[in-house]
Protein backbone atom coordinates (compact mmCIF):
# COMPACT_ATOMS: atom_id res chain seq x y z
CA MET A 1 90.47 95.79 99.69
CA ARG A 2 90.60 92.41 101.35
CA MET A 3 88.30 89.72 99.88
CA LEU A 4 87.36 86.15 100.73
CA ILE A 5 86.16 83.47 98.34
CA ALA A 6 84.36 80.66 100.17
CA ASP A 7 83.82 77.78 97.78
CA ASP A 8 84.76 74.09 97.77
CA ASP A 9 85.19 74.20 93.97
CA GLN A 10 88.88 75.04 93.47
CA ILE A 11 88.42 75.99 89.82
CA CYS A 12 85.75 78.53 90.74
CA CYS A 13 88.07 79.92 93.44
CA GLN A 14 90.93 80.25 90.96
CA VAL A 15 88.79 81.96 88.31
CA LEU A 16 87.29 84.43 90.78
CA ALA A 17 90.68 85.12 92.35
CA MET A 18 92.11 85.83 88.90
CA HIS A 19 89.36 88.39 88.21
CA LEU A 20 89.81 90.01 91.63
CA ALA A 21 93.63 89.98 91.83
CA LEU A 22 94.11 93.61 90.80
CA LEU A 23 91.55 94.85 93.31
CA GLY A 24 93.28 93.67 96.49
CA ASP A 25 94.16 90.69 98.64
CA CYS A 26 92.03 87.62 98.00
CA ASP A 27 91.92 84.61 100.34
CA THR A 28 90.08 81.33 99.75
CA VAL A 29 88.43 78.75 102.00
CA GLY A 30 86.55 75.59 101.08
CA THR A 31 84.10 75.02 103.93
CA GLY A 32 81.41 76.82 105.87
CA ARG A 33 83.32 76.38 109.12
CA GLY A 34 86.46 77.71 107.42
CA THR A 35 84.53 80.77 106.29
CA ILE A 36 83.38 81.61 109.82
CA GLY A 37 86.93 81.09 111.07
CA ALA A 38 88.52 83.26 108.39
CA VAL A 39 86.05 86.12 108.86
CA THR A 40 86.36 85.98 112.65
CA LYS A 41 90.16 85.96 112.45
CA ALA A 42 90.10 88.94 110.06
CA TRP A 43 87.92 90.90 112.49
CA ASP A 44 90.19 89.96 115.42
CA GLU A 45 93.26 91.13 113.50
CA GLY A 46 91.60 94.45 112.66
CA ARG A 47 91.80 93.63 108.95
CA PRO A 48 88.21 92.72 108.04
CA TYR A 49 87.13 91.49 104.65
CA GLY A 50 85.40 94.10 102.54
CA LEU A 51 83.79 91.54 100.27
CA VAL A 52 82.92 87.86 100.69
CA PHE A 53 81.91 85.53 97.86
CA LEU A 54 79.96 82.73 99.49
CA ASP A 55 78.99 79.49 97.77
CA ILE A 56 75.62 78.09 98.77
CA LEU A 57 76.64 74.41 98.62
CA MET A 58 79.69 73.73 100.77
CA PRO A 59 80.67 71.10 103.31
CA GLU A 60 80.61 71.94 107.03
CA GLY A 61 77.87 74.55 106.71
CA ASP A 62 76.16 75.69 103.55
CA GLY A 63 76.34 79.29 102.43
CA GLN A 64 72.85 80.18 103.63
CA GLU A 65 73.65 78.97 107.17
CA VAL A 66 77.04 80.67 107.11
CA LEU A 67 75.54 83.98 106.00
CA GLN A 68 73.01 83.82 108.83
CA GLN A 69 75.78 83.06 111.35
CA LEU A 70 77.92 85.92 110.04
CA ARG A 71 75.05 88.39 110.45
CA VAL A 72 74.54 87.22 114.06
CA LEU A 73 78.27 87.58 114.76
CA GLU A 74 78.24 91.11 113.32
CA LYS A 75 75.46 92.10 115.71
CA LYS A 76 77.33 90.59 118.68
CA ARG A 77 80.44 92.57 117.70
CA GLY A 78 78.51 95.78 117.18
CA ILE A 79 79.26 95.87 113.46
CA HIS A 80 76.58 97.91 111.69
CA GLY A 81 75.88 99.88 108.53
CA LEU A 82 78.72 100.30 106.07
CA ASP A 83 81.08 98.28 108.28
CA ARG A 84 79.07 95.08 107.70
CA LEU A 85 80.33 92.42 105.32
CA ASN A 86 79.37 92.79 101.69
CA VAL A 87 78.28 89.30 100.69
CA VAL A 88 77.84 87.96 97.17
CA MET A 89 76.27 84.52 97.04
CA ILE A 90 77.64 82.29 94.28
CA THR A 91 76.07 79.02 93.21
CA SER A 92 75.31 76.69 90.37
CA LEU A 93 71.69 76.61 91.59
CA ASP A 94 69.45 78.84 89.52
CA ASP A 95 66.66 78.44 92.06
CA ARG A 96 64.33 81.31 92.94
CA LYS A 97 63.87 80.06 96.52
CA GLN A 98 67.64 80.01 97.11
CA VAL A 99 67.95 83.53 95.69
CA MET A 100 65.13 84.85 97.89
CA ASP A 101 66.53 83.11 100.98
CA ALA A 102 69.94 84.69 100.34
CA PHE A 103 68.45 88.18 100.12
CA ARG A 104 66.33 87.58 103.24
CA ARG A 105 69.55 86.78 105.06
CA GLU A 106 70.92 90.08 103.74
CA ALA A 107 73.21 89.04 100.93
CA GLN A 108 73.76 92.02 98.67
CA ALA A 109 74.19 90.17 95.39
CA TYR A 110 73.81 86.74 93.80
CA LEU A 111 75.82 85.28 90.92
CA ILE A 112 75.23 82.02 89.06
CA LYS A 113 78.25 79.82 88.25
CA PRO A 114 80.16 79.83 86.12
CA VAL A 115 80.62 83.44 87.12
CA ASP A 116 80.46 85.66 84.06
CA ALA A 117 83.10 88.43 84.04
CA THR A 118 80.58 91.03 82.83
CA LYS A 119 78.13 90.22 85.63
CA LEU A 120 80.96 90.22 88.15
CA ARG A 121 82.07 93.69 86.98
CA LYS A 122 78.48 94.91 87.32
CA VAL A 123 78.34 93.70 90.94
CA LEU A 124 81.72 95.26 91.71
CA LYS A 125 80.52 98.57 90.23
CA GLU A 126 77.40 98.43 92.39
CA PHE A 127 79.64 98.06 95.46
CA GLY A 128 81.74 101.01 94.30
CA ILE A 129 84.81 98.78 93.92
CA LEU A 130 85.10 99.50 90.20
CA GLY A 131 84.54 102.88 88.62
CA LYS A 132 81.47 103.41 86.48
CA ASP A 133 83.50 103.57 83.27
CA VAL A 134 85.40 100.28 83.75
């Protein structure tokens, strides 16, 4: 599986990439604009991301705005159902409004930083990326 970590915090990117390394290819970007560019390029190449970790607070477009833009781009490209991006919002903000906004914009999961390995495994199991007994 191809994954994208969109976060301006390099340490968070490194930690997540380390946890995800055995599951597939993992790219990183540090801005909202970079996220849109990476996802669009992946679609154009016919190698879309199966999972995107999206930080809420980033330069050049916060994660909430980026998620909304990605959903609009999916509709324009005719991407529906199981072919849509699986998006996990990641943030240091433990704010109910941010969580609700992320789910309204159709994020599938939400993790608070620092990302706990057990909670990450739970999310990956929910997506069917890890087996139930891992």
